[in-house]
Amino acid sequence: MNTKKITIELTVDEKNNEIVEQAMPDFSHRISPLGDQGSTLELVDTVNMMVSKSDAVLSMLSNAFAGDDEGVRPSDDVIFYSLKSVSDELADIKAVVSAFHKETAKQRA
């Protein structure tokens, strides 16, 4: 059976004093399929995958500037979004490790 996790965030609309549901997207495709959910193996593999994606982007970007010839350079938009992709991936790593730490701290308590 293939299951999907859906998280619902509840916020209060102060103007109308009502609870508003906001669906949170499922980002499980960004987490390692190895190991049990919440395992150290899953965390390590997830971080390794994220670092590999960032390394690949940086490698392709640096190769565009490494040549001595005056070849075609990426546009400013391509450079910006490549660097933004790496920045977002690093923020994701921080969020994944933080969530893992919080969850394991609860289990140890």
PDB file of N, CA and C in Angstrom:
ATOM      1  N   MET A   1       0.848  -1.177   0.000  1.00  0.00           N
ATOM      2  CA  MET A   1       0.000   0.000   0.000  1.00  0.00           C
ATOM      3  C   MET A   1       0.890   1.235   0.000  1.00  0.00           C
ATOM      4  N   ASN A   2       0.633   2.135  -0.902  1.00  0.00           N
ATOM      5  CA  ASN A   2       1.385   3.377  -1.009  1.00  0.00           C
ATOM      6  C   ASN A   2       0.619   4.469  -0.269  1.00  0.00           C
ATOM      7  N   THR A   3       1.240   5.056   0.741  1.00  0.00           N
ATOM      8  CA  THR A   3       0.552   6.089   1.523  1.00  0.00           C
ATOM      9  C   THR A   3       1.245   7.426   1.346  1.00  0.00           C
ATOM     10  N   LYS A   4       0.488   8.478   1.505  1.00  0.00           N
ATOM     11  CA  LYS A   4       1.022   9.832   1.460  1.00  0.00           C
ATOM     12  C   LYS A   4       0.674  10.527   2.756  1.00  0.00           C
ATOM     13  N   LYS A   5       1.595  11.294   3.248  1.00  0.00           N
ATOM     14  CA  LYS A   5       1.381  12.057   4.468  1.00  0.00           C
ATOM     15  C   LYS A   5       0.929  13.458   4.086  1.00  0.00           C
ATOM     16  N   ILE A   6      -0.161  13.902   4.662  1.00  0.00           N
ATOM     17  CA  ILE A   6      -0.650  15.261   4.431  1.00  0.00           C
ATOM     18  C   ILE A   6      -0.690  15.964   5.781  1.00  0.00           C
ATOM     19  N   THR A   7      -0.087  17.115   5.847  1.00  0.00           N
ATOM     20  CA  THR A   7      -0.074  17.902   7.070  1.00  0.00           C
ATOM     21  C   THR A   7      -1.010  19.081   6.887  1.00  0.00           C
ATOM     22  N   ILE A   8      -1.844  19.302   7.880  1.00  0.00           N
ATOM     23  CA  ILE A   8      -2.747  20.447   7.860  1.00  0.00           C
ATOM     24  C   ILE A   8      -2.296  21.413   8.943  1.00  0.00           C
ATOM     25  N   GLU A   9      -2.108  22.649   8.556  1.00  0.00           N
ATOM     26  CA  GLU A   9      -1.731  23.685   9.505  1.00  0.00           C
ATOM     27  C   GLU A   9      -2.970  24.510   9.818  1.00  0.00           C
ATOM     28  N   LEU A  10      -3.241  24.691  11.093  1.00  0.00           N
ATOM     29  CA  LEU A  10      -4.391  25.493  11.504  1.00  0.00           C
ATOM     30  C   LEU A  10      -3.913  26.852  11.981  1.00  0.00           C
ATOM     31  N   THR A  11      -4.524  27.881  11.447  1.00  0.00           N
ATOM     32  CA  THR A  11      -4.227  29.236  11.891  1.00  0.00           C
ATOM     33  C   THR A  11      -5.537  29.922  12.245  1.00  0.00           C
ATOM     34  N   VAL A  12      -5.437  30.931  13.050  1.00  0.00           N
ATOM     35  CA  VAL A  12      -6.629  31.662  13.461  1.00  0.00           C
ATOM     36  C   VAL A  12      -6.681  32.989  12.721  1.00  0.00           C
ATOM     37  N   ASP A  13      -7.797  33.217  12.051  1.00  0.00           N
ATOM     38  CA  ASP A  13      -8.052  34.489  11.388  1.00  0.00           C
ATOM     39  C   ASP A  13      -8.542  35.445  12.470  1.00  0.00           C
ATOM     40  N   GLU A  14      -7.672  36.338  12.911  1.00  0.00           N
ATOM     41  CA  GLU A  14      -8.007  37.214  14.038  1.00  0.00           C
ATOM     42  C   GLU A  14      -9.144  38.170  13.710  1.00  0.00           C
ATOM     43  N   LYS A  15      -9.271  38.517  12.451  1.00  0.00           N
ATOM     44  CA  LYS A  15     -10.327  39.439  12.053  1.00  0.00           C
ATOM     45  C   LYS A  15     -11.711  38.824  12.273  1.00  0.00           C
ATOM     46  N   ASN A  16     -11.864  37.559  11.870  1.00  0.00           N
ATOM     47  CA  ASN A  16     -13.151  36.868  11.999  1.00  0.00           C
ATOM     48  C   ASN A  16     -13.173  35.872  13.147  1.00  0.00           C
ATOM     49  N   ASN A  17     -12.042  35.726  13.838  1.00  0.00           N
ATOM     50  CA  ASN A  17     -11.909  34.792  14.946  1.00  0.00           C
ATOM     51  C   ASN A  17     -12.314  33.374  14.528  1.00  0.00           C
ATOM     52  N   GLU A  18     -11.830  32.967  13.350  1.00  0.00           N
ATOM     53  CA  GLU A  18     -12.135  31.652  12.809  1.00  0.00           C
ATOM     54  C   GLU A  18     -10.847  30.869  12.611  1.00  0.00           C
ATOM     55  N   ILE A  19     -10.943  29.546  12.699  1.00  0.00           N
ATOM     56  CA  ILE A  19      -9.808  28.679  12.398  1.00  0.00           C
ATOM     57  C   ILE A  19      -9.797  28.426  10.899  1.00  0.00           C
ATOM     58  N   VAL A  20      -8.628  28.615  10.309  1.00  0.00           N
ATOM     59  CA  VAL A  20      -8.471  28.433   8.873  1.00  0.00           C
ATOM     60  C   VAL A  20      -7.500  27.281   8.644  1.00  0.00           C
ATOM     61  N   GLU A  21      -7.893  26.304   7.822  1.00  0.00           N
ATOM     62  CA  GLU A  21      -7.015  25.187   7.485  1.00  0.00           C
ATOM     63  C   GLU A  21      -6.183  25.547   6.266  1.00  0.00           C
ATOM     64  N   GLN A  22      -4.913  25.216   6.329  1.00  0.00           N
ATOM     65  CA  GLN A  22      -4.018  25.430   5.202  1.00  0.00           C
ATOM     66  C   GLN A  22      -3.288  24.120   4.942  1.00  0.00           C
ATOM     67  N   ALA A  23      -3.524  23.530   3.798  1.00  0.00           N
ATOM     68  CA  ALA A  23      -2.858  22.271   3.456  1.00  0.00           C
ATOM     69  C   ALA A  23      -1.382  22.524   3.201  1.00  0.00           C
ATOM     70  N   MET A  24      -0.557  21.646   3.720  1.00  0.00           N
ATOM     71  CA  MET A  24       0.883  21.727   3.499  1.00  0.00           C
ATOM     72  C   MET A  24       1.254  20.690   2.439  1.00  0.00           C
ATOM     73  N   PRO A  25       2.056  21.047   1.452  1.00  0.00           N
ATOM     74  CA  PRO A  25       2.426  20.090   0.413  1.00  0.00           C
ATOM     75  C   PRO A  25       3.262  18.943   0.974  1.00  0.00           C
ATOM     76  N   ASP A  26       3.204  17.818   0.301  1.00  0.00           N
ATOM     77  CA  ASP A  26       3.965  16.634   0.689  1.00  0.00           C
ATOM     78  C   ASP A  26       5.343  16.701   0.039  1.00  0.00           C
ATOM     79  N   PHE A  27       6.382  16.845   0.840  1.00  0.00           N
ATOM     80  CA  PHE A  27       7.745  16.904   0.329  1.00  0.00           C
ATOM     81  C   PHE A  27       8.506  15.597   0.555  1.00  0.00           C
ATOM     82  N   SER A  28       7.786  14.507   0.763  1.00  0.00           N
ATOM     83  CA  SER A  28       8.441  13.234   1.058  1.00  0.00           C
ATOM     84  C   SER A  28       9.325  12.756  -0.102  1.00  0.00           C
ATOM     85  N   HIS A  29       9.089  13.239  -1.313  1.00  0.00           N
ATOM     86  CA  HIS A  29       9.929  12.860  -2.446  1.00  0.00           C
ATOM     87  C   HIS A  29      11.354  13.401  -2.296  1.00  0.00           C
ATOM     88  N   ARG A  30      11.564  14.312  -1.371  1.00  0.00           N
ATOM     89  CA  ARG A  30      12.893  14.879  -1.154  1.00  0.00           C
ATOM     90  C   ARG A  30      13.656  14.139  -0.052  1.00  0.00           C
ATOM     91  N   ILE A  31      13.006  13.143   0.546  1.00  0.00           N
ATOM     92  CA  ILE A  31      13.604  12.380   1.637  1.00  0.00           C
ATOM     93  C   ILE A  31      14.041  11.012   1.119  1.00  0.00           C
ATOM     94  N   SER A  32      15.108  10.490   1.669  1.00  0.00           N
ATOM     95  CA  SER A  32      15.653   9.205   1.245  1.00  0.00           C
ATOM     96  C   SER A  32      14.632   8.077   1.405  1.00  0.00           C
ATOM     97  N   PRO A  33      14.585   7.184   0.433  1.00  0.00           N
ATOM     98  CA  PRO A  33      13.715   6.013   0.572  1.00  0.00           C
ATOM     99  C   PRO A  33      14.358   4.911   1.405  1.00  0.00           C
ATOM    100  N   LEU A  34      15.604   5.108   1.832  1.00  0.00           N
ATOM    101  CA  LEU A  34      16.302   4.092   2.617  1.00  0.00           C
ATOM    102  C   LEU A  34      15.937   4.171   4.090  1.00  0.00           C
ATOM    103  N   GLY A  35      15.974   3.048   4.738  1.00  0.00           N
ATOM    104  CA  GLY A  35      15.790   3.015   6.186  1.00  0.00           C
ATOM    105  C   GLY A  35      14.365   3.306   6.610  1.00  0.00           C
ATOM    106  N   ASP A  36      14.156   3.220   7.894  1.00  0.00           N
ATOM    107  CA  ASP A  36      12.855   3.524   8.469  1.00  0.00           C
ATOM    108  C   ASP A  36      12.731   5.025   8.622  1.00  0.00           C
ATOM    109  N   GLN A  37      11.485   5.489   8.591  1.00  0.00           N
ATOM    110  CA  GLN A  37      11.253   6.919   8.760  1.00  0.00           C
ATOM    111  C   GLN A  37      11.802   7.355  10.111  1.00  0.00           C
ATOM    112  N   GLY A  38      12.588   8.399  10.102  1.00  0.00           N
ATOM    113  CA  GLY A  38      13.170   8.910  11.342  1.00  0.00           C
ATOM    114  C   GLY A  38      14.451   8.208  11.754  1.00  0.00           C
ATOM    115  N   SER A  39      14.986   7.316  10.906  1.00  0.00           N
ATOM    116  CA  SER A  39      16.211   6.614  11.272  1.00  0.00           C
ATOM    117  C   SER A  39      17.437   7.451  10.899  1.00  0.00           C
ATOM    118  N   THR A  40      18.540   7.139  11.557  1.00  0.00           N
ATOM    119  CA  THR A  40      19.789   7.832  11.253  1.00  0.00           C
ATOM    120  C   THR A  40      20.229   7.538   9.821  1.00  0.00           C
ATOM    121  N   LEU A  41      20.007   6.308   9.358  1.00  0.00           N
ATOM    122  CA  LEU A  41      20.352   5.952   7.976  1.00  0.00           C
ATOM    123  C   LEU A  41      19.587   6.829   6.993  1.00  0.00           C
ATOM    124  N   GLU A  42      18.314   7.045   7.248  1.00  0.00           N
ATOM    125  CA  GLU A  42      17.512   7.899   6.364  1.00  0.00           C
ATOM    126  C   GLU A  42      18.055   9.327   6.367  1.00  0.00           C
ATOM    127  N   LEU A  43      18.395   9.843   7.540  1.00  0.00           N
ATOM    128  CA  LEU A  43      18.935  11.205   7.637  1.00  0.00           C
ATOM    129  C   LEU A  43      20.237  11.324   6.852  1.00  0.00           C
ATOM    130  N   VAL A  44      21.152  10.398   7.072  1.00  0.00           N
ATOM    131  CA  VAL A  44      22.444  10.451   6.398  1.00  0.00           C
ATOM    132  C   VAL A  44      22.271  10.362   4.886  1.00  0.00           C
ATOM    133  N   ASP A  45      21.419   9.449   4.423  1.00  0.00           N
ATOM    134  CA  ASP A  45      21.216   9.312   2.984  1.00  0.00           C
ATOM    135  C   ASP A  45      20.527  10.543   2.404  1.00  0.00           C
ATOM    136  N   THR A  46      19.585  11.108   3.128  1.00  0.00           N
ATOM    137  CA  THR A  46      18.892  12.318   2.669  1.00  0.00           C
ATOM    138  C   THR A  46      19.875  13.471   2.522  1.00  0.00           C
ATOM    139  N   VAL A  47      20.707  13.681   3.531  1.00  0.00           N
ATOM    140  CA  VAL A  47      21.694  14.759   3.469  1.00  0.00           C
ATOM    141  C   VAL A  47      22.689  14.503   2.338  1.00  0.00           C
ATOM    142  N   ASN A  48      23.112  13.252   2.167  1.00  0.00           N
ATOM    143  CA  ASN A  48      24.032  12.926   1.069  1.00  0.00           C
ATOM    144  C   ASN A  48      23.407  13.233  -0.287  1.00  0.00           C
ATOM    145  N   MET A  49      22.133  12.886  -0.471  1.00  0.00           N
ATOM    146  CA  MET A  49      21.454  13.184  -1.730  1.00  0.00           C
ATOM    147  C   MET A  49      21.377  14.686  -1.965  1.00  0.00           C
ATOM    148  N   MET A  50      21.055  15.442  -0.926  1.00  0.00           N
ATOM    149  CA  MET A  50      20.926  16.895  -1.056  1.00  0.00           C
ATOM    150  C   MET A  50      22.271  17.539  -1.375  1.00  0.00           C
ATOM    151  N   VAL A  51      23.321  17.079  -0.724  1.00  0.00           N
ATOM    152  CA  VAL A  51      24.667  17.612  -0.983  1.00  0.00           C
ATOM    153  C   VAL A  51      25.094  17.265  -2.408  1.00  0.00           C
ATOM    154  N   SER A  52      24.774  16.050  -2.856  1.00  0.00           N
ATOM    155  CA  SER A  52      25.129  15.652  -4.222  1.00  0.00           C
ATOM    156  C   SER A  52      24.425  16.518  -5.260  1.00  0.00           C
ATOM    157  N   LYS A  53      23.164  16.854  -5.017  1.00  0.00           N
ATOM    158  CA  LYS A  53      22.440  17.727  -5.944  1.00  0.00           C
ATOM    159  C   LYS A  53      23.091  19.108  -6.002  1.00  0.00           C
ATOM    160  N   SER A  54      23.448  19.643  -4.848  1.00  0.00           N
ATOM    161  CA  SER A  54      24.093  20.960  -4.809  1.00  0.00           C
ATOM    162  C   SER A  54      25.456  20.922  -5.479  1.00  0.00           C
ATOM    163  N   ASP A  55      26.229  19.869  -5.214  1.00  0.00           N
ATOM    164  CA  ASP A  55      27.540  19.722  -5.848  1.00  0.00           C
ATOM    165  C   ASP A  55      27.417  19.669  -7.367  1.00  0.00           C
ATOM    166  N   ALA A  56      26.392  18.972  -7.857  1.00  0.00           N
ATOM    167  CA  ALA A  56      26.201  18.855  -9.303  1.00  0.00           C
ATOM    168  C   ALA A  56      25.913  20.218  -9.926  1.00  0.00           C
ATOM    169  N   VAL A  57      25.062  21.004  -9.286  1.00  0.00           N
ATOM    170  CA  VAL A  57      24.735  22.331  -9.807  1.00  0.00           C
ATOM    171  C   VAL A  57      25.981  23.216  -9.805  1.00  0.00           C
ATOM    172  N   LEU A  58      26.708  23.216  -8.698  1.00  0.00           N
ATOM    173  CA  LEU A  58      27.916  24.039  -8.607  1.00  0.00           C
ATOM    174  C   LEU A  58      28.989  23.587  -9.598  1.00  0.00           C
ATOM    175  N   SER A  59      29.087  22.281  -9.809  1.00  0.00           N
ATOM    176  CA  SER A  59      30.060  21.757 -10.764  1.00  0.00           C
ATOM    177  C   SER A  59      29.730  22.215 -12.189  1.00  0.00           C
ATOM    178  N   MET A  60      28.468  22.112 -12.571  1.00  0.00           N
ATOM    179  CA  MET A  60      28.073  22.566 -13.915  1.00  0.00           C
ATOM    180  C   MET A  60      28.278  24.069 -14.064  1.00  0.00           C
ATOM    181  N   LEU A  61      27.945  24.810 -13.030  1.00  0.00           N
ATOM    182  CA  LEU A  61      28.108  26.262 -13.091  1.00  0.00           C
ATOM    183  C   LEU A  61      29.585  26.636 -13.179  1.00  0.00           C
ATOM    184  N   SER A  62      30.419  26.001 -12.374  1.00  0.00           N
ATOM    185  CA  SER A  62      31.846  26.332 -12.401  1.00  0.00           C
ATOM    186  C   SER A  62      32.482  25.922 -13.723  1.00  0.00           C
ATOM    187  N   ASN A  63      32.015  24.817 -14.320  1.00  0.00           N
ATOM    188  CA  ASN A  63      32.557  24.396 -15.618  1.00  0.00           C
ATOM    189  C   ASN A  63      32.276  25.433 -16.705  1.00  0.00           C
ATOM    190  N   ALA A  64      31.189  26.170 -16.561  1.00  0.00           N
ATOM    191  CA  ALA A  64      30.857  27.203 -17.541  1.00  0.00           C
ATOM    192  C   ALA A  64      31.855  28.356 -17.505  1.00  0.00           C
ATOM    193  N   PHE A  65      32.542  28.523 -16.381  1.00  0.00           N
ATOM    194  CA  PHE A  65      33.494  29.624 -16.239  1.00  0.00           C
ATOM    195  C   PHE A  65      34.948  29.158 -16.261  1.00  0.00           C
ATOM    196  N   ALA A  66      35.171  27.852 -16.247  1.00  0.00           N
ATOM    197  CA  ALA A  66      36.533  27.317 -16.140  1.00  0.00           C
ATOM    198  C   ALA A  66      37.293  27.340 -17.452  1.00  0.00           C
ATOM    199  N   GLY A  67      36.594  27.358 -18.555  1.00  0.00           N
ATOM    200  CA  GLY A  67      37.269  27.298 -19.851  1.00  0.00           C
ATOM    201  C   GLY A  67      38.015  28.580 -20.184  1.00  0.00           C
ATOM    202  N   ASP A  68      39.083  28.418 -20.936  1.00  0.00           N
ATOM    203  CA  ASP A  68      39.874  29.579 -21.374  1.00  0.00           C
ATOM    204  C   ASP A  68      39.273  30.252 -22.601  1.00  0.00           C
ATOM    205  N   ASP A  69      38.460  29.526 -23.321  1.00  0.00           N
ATOM    206  CA  ASP A  69      37.877  30.090 -24.538  1.00  0.00           C
ATOM    207  C   ASP A  69      36.722  31.019 -24.195  1.00  0.00           C
ATOM    208  N   GLU A  70      36.340  31.761 -25.147  1.00  0.00           N
ATOM    209  CA  GLU A  70      35.232  32.702 -24.977  1.00  0.00           C
ATOM    210  C   GLU A  70      33.922  32.050 -25.420  1.00  0.00           C
ATOM    211  N   GLY A  71      33.606  30.920 -24.843  1.00  0.00           N
ATOM    212  CA  GLY A  71      32.384  30.206 -25.188  1.00  0.00           C
ATOM    213  C   GLY A  71      31.160  30.915 -24.637  1.00  0.00           C
ATOM    214  N   VAL A  72      30.042  30.318 -24.895  1.00  0.00           N
ATOM    215  CA  VAL A  72      28.779  30.875 -24.430  1.00  0.00           C
ATOM    216  C   VAL A  72      28.697  30.722 -22.910  1.00  0.00           C
ATOM    217  N   ARG A  73      28.446  31.813 -22.244  1.00  0.00           N
ATOM    218  CA  ARG A  73      28.311  31.815 -20.784  1.00  0.00           C
ATOM    219  C   ARG A  73      26.823  31.752 -20.413  1.00  0.00           C
ATOM    220  N   PRO A  74      26.522  31.191 -19.253  1.00  0.00           N
ATOM    221  CA  PRO A  74      25.118  31.174 -18.817  1.00  0.00           C
ATOM    222  C   PRO A  74      24.612  32.608 -18.619  1.00  0.00           C
ATOM    223  N   SER A  75      23.321  32.773 -18.805  1.00  0.00           N
ATOM    224  CA  SER A  75      22.721  34.093 -18.593  1.00  0.00           C
ATOM    225  C   SER A  75      22.711  34.414 -17.101  1.00  0.00           C
ATOM    226  N   ASP A  76      22.495  35.678 -16.801  1.00  0.00           N
ATOM    227  CA  ASP A  76      22.405  36.083 -15.398  1.00  0.00           C
ATOM    228  C   ASP A  76      21.285  35.339 -14.686  1.00  0.00           C
ATOM    229  N   ASP A  77      20.166  35.117 -15.374  1.00  0.00           N
ATOM    230  CA  ASP A  77      19.051  34.370 -14.770  1.00  0.00           C
ATOM    231  C   ASP A  77      19.468  32.945 -14.425  1.00  0.00           C
ATOM    232  N   VAL A  78      20.168  32.294 -15.336  1.00  0.00           N
ATOM    233  CA  VAL A  78      20.618  30.918 -15.096  1.00  0.00           C
ATOM    234  C   VAL A  78      21.568  30.876 -13.904  1.00  0.00           C
ATOM    235  N   ILE A  79      22.483  31.818 -13.846  1.00  0.00           N
ATOM    236  CA  ILE A  79      23.427  31.864 -12.722  1.00  0.00           C
ATOM    237  C   ILE A  79      22.681  32.114 -11.422  1.00  0.00           C
ATOM    238  N   PHE A  80      21.772  33.082 -11.422  1.00  0.00           N
ATOM    239  CA  PHE A  80      21.014  33.399 -10.213  1.00  0.00           C
ATOM    240  C   PHE A  80      20.240  32.186  -9.709  1.00  0.00           C
ATOM    241  N   TYR A  81      19.480  31.551 -10.612  1.00  0.00           N
ATOM    242  CA  TYR A  81      18.638  30.427 -10.176  1.00  0.00           C
ATOM    243  C   TYR A  81      19.464  29.191  -9.840  1.00  0.00           C
ATOM    244  N   SER A  82      20.627  29.035 -10.422  1.00  0.00           N
ATOM    245  CA  SER A  82      21.517  27.941 -10.030  1.00  0.00           C
ATOM    246  C   SER A  82      21.990  28.142  -8.591  1.00  0.00           C
ATOM    247  N   LEU A  83      22.437  29.360  -8.297  1.00  0.00           N
ATOM    248  CA  LEU A  83      22.884  29.661  -6.933  1.00  0.00           C
ATOM    249  C   LEU A  83      21.724  29.616  -5.944  1.00  0.00           C
ATOM    250  N   LYS A  84      20.543  30.067  -6.368  1.00  0.00           N
ATOM    251  CA  LYS A  84      19.353  30.016  -5.515  1.00  0.00           C
ATOM    252  C   LYS A  84      18.978  28.556  -5.217  1.00  0.00           C
ATOM    253  N   SER A  85      19.117  27.698  -6.205  1.00  0.00           N
ATOM    254  CA  SER A  85      18.849  26.276  -6.018  1.00  0.00           C
ATOM    255  C   SER A  85      19.749  25.681  -4.935  1.00  0.00           C
ATOM    256  N   VAL A  86      21.029  26.026  -4.991  1.00  0.00           N
ATOM    257  CA  VAL A  86      21.974  25.535  -3.983  1.00  0.00           C
ATOM    258  C   VAL A  86      21.633  26.113  -2.613  1.00  0.00           C
ATOM    259  N   SER A  87      21.324  27.392  -2.569  1.00  0.00           N
ATOM    260  CA  SER A  87      20.955  28.036  -1.308  1.00  0.00           C
ATOM    261  C   SER A  87      19.712  27.381  -0.694  1.00  0.00           C
ATOM    262  N   ASP A  88      18.711  27.121  -1.525  1.00  0.00           N
ATOM    263  CA  ASP A  88      17.489  26.468  -1.040  1.00  0.00           C
ATOM    264  C   ASP A  88      17.777  25.050  -0.555  1.00  0.00           C
ATOM    265  N   GLU A  89      18.655  24.347  -1.255  1.00  0.00           N
ATOM    266  CA  GLU A  89      19.010  22.983  -0.861  1.00  0.00           C
ATOM    267  C   GLU A  89      19.703  22.989   0.503  1.00  0.00           C
ATOM    268  N   LEU A  90      20.577  23.981   0.723  1.00  0.00           N
ATOM    269  CA  LEU A  90      21.242  24.098   2.025  1.00  0.00           C
ATOM    270  C   LEU A  90      20.230  24.406   3.133  1.00  0.00           C
ATOM    271  N   ALA A  91      19.249  25.244   2.838  1.00  0.00           N
ATOM    272  CA  ALA A  91      18.195  25.532   3.818  1.00  0.00           C
ATOM    273  C   ALA A  91      17.381  24.267   4.107  1.00  0.00           C
ATOM    274  N   ASP A  92      17.144  23.457   3.081  1.00  0.00           N
ATOM    275  CA  ASP A  92      16.431  22.192   3.279  1.00  0.00           C
ATOM    276  C   ASP A  92      17.223  21.244   4.160  1.00  0.00           C
ATOM    277  N   ILE A  93      18.538  21.191   3.952  1.00  0.00           N
ATOM    278  CA  ILE A  93      19.378  20.329   4.793  1.00  0.00           C
ATOM    279  C   ILE A  93      19.260  20.757   6.248  1.00  0.00           C
ATOM    280  N   LYS A  94      19.354  22.043   6.476  1.00  0.00           N
ATOM    281  CA  LYS A  94      19.226  22.564   7.842  1.00  0.00           C
ATOM    282  C   LYS A  94      17.873  22.189   8.442  1.00  0.00           C
ATOM    283  N   ALA A  95      16.798  22.319   7.664  1.00  0.00           N
ATOM    284  CA  ALA A  95      15.450  22.000   8.157  1.00  0.00           C
ATOM    285  C   ALA A  95      15.298  20.513   8.448  1.00  0.00           C
ATOM    286  N   VAL A  96      15.843  19.651   7.583  1.00  0.00           N
ATOM    287  CA  VAL A  96      15.742  18.206   7.781  1.00  0.00           C
ATOM    288  C   VAL A  96      16.501  17.779   9.034  1.00  0.00           C
ATOM    289  N   VAL A  97      17.717  18.284   9.189  1.00  0.00           N
ATOM    290  CA  VAL A  97      18.520  17.923  10.363  1.00  0.00           C
ATOM    291  C   VAL A  97      17.865  18.446  11.639  1.00  0.00           C
ATOM    292  N   SER A  98      17.332  19.655  11.597  1.00  0.00           N
ATOM    293  CA  SER A  98      16.649  20.221  12.760  1.00  0.00           C
ATOM    294  C   SER A  98      15.415  19.399  13.134  1.00  0.00           C
ATOM    295  N   ALA A  99      14.619  19.022  12.139  1.00  0.00           N
ATOM    296  CA  ALA A  99      13.423  18.209  12.406  1.00  0.00           C
ATOM    297  C   ALA A  99      13.810  16.846  12.977  1.00  0.00           C
ATOM    298  N   PHE A 100      14.873  16.250  12.446  1.00  0.00           N
ATOM    299  CA  PHE A 100      15.350  14.962  12.958  1.00  0.00           C
ATOM    300  C   PHE A 100      15.786  15.104  14.409  1.00  0.00           C
ATOM    301  N   HIS A 101      16.523  16.171  14.700  1.00  0.00           N
ATOM    302  CA  HIS A 101      16.979  16.398  16.071  1.00  0.00           C
ATOM    303  C   HIS A 101      15.797  16.556  17.028  1.00  0.00           C
ATOM    304  N   LYS A 102      14.814  17.361  16.640  1.00  0.00           N
ATOM    305  CA  LYS A 102      13.644  17.577  17.498  1.00  0.00           C
ATOM    306  C   LYS A 102      12.899  16.261  17.741  1.00  0.00           C
ATOM    307  N   GLU A 103      12.729  15.466  16.695  1.00  0.00           N
ATOM    308  CA  GLU A 103      11.977  14.209  16.820  1.00  0.00           C
ATOM    309  C   GLU A 103      12.731  13.212  17.685  1.00  0.00           C
ATOM    310  N   THR A 104      14.043  13.092  17.500  1.00  0.00           N
ATOM    311  CA  THR A 104      14.798  12.146  18.316  1.00  0.00           C
ATOM    312  C   THR A 104      14.913  12.622  19.758  1.00  0.00           C
ATOM    313  N   ALA A 105      14.926  13.941  19.971  1.00  0.00           N
ATOM    314  CA  ALA A 105      14.951  14.456  21.344  1.00  0.00           C
ATOM    315  C   ALA A 105      13.659  14.084  22.074  1.00  0.00           C
ATOM    316  N   LYS A 106      12.537  14.148  21.355  1.00  0.00           N
ATOM    317  CA  LYS A 106      11.249  13.744  21.961  1.00  0.00           C
ATOM    318  C   LYS A 106      11.272  12.277  22.337  1.00  0.00           C
ATOM    319  N   GLN A 107      11.842  11.450  21.473  1.00  0.00           N
ATOM    320  CA  GLN A 107      11.892   9.994  21.710  1.00  0.00           C
ATOM    321  C   GLN A 107      12.796   9.654  22.893  1.00  0.00           C
ATOM    322  N   ARG A 108      13.851  10.442  23.101  1.00  0.00           N
ATOM    323  CA  ARG A 108      14.767  10.179  24.225  1.00  0.00           C
ATOM    324  C   ARG A 108      14.212  10.675  25.545  1.00  0.00           C
ATOM    325  N   ALA A 109      13.285  11.607  25.496  1.00  0.00           N
ATOM    326  CA  ALA A 109      12.748  12.197  26.737  1.00  0.00           C
ATOM    327  C   ALA A 109      11.787  11.260  27.437  1.00  0.00           C
TER     328      ALA A 109
END
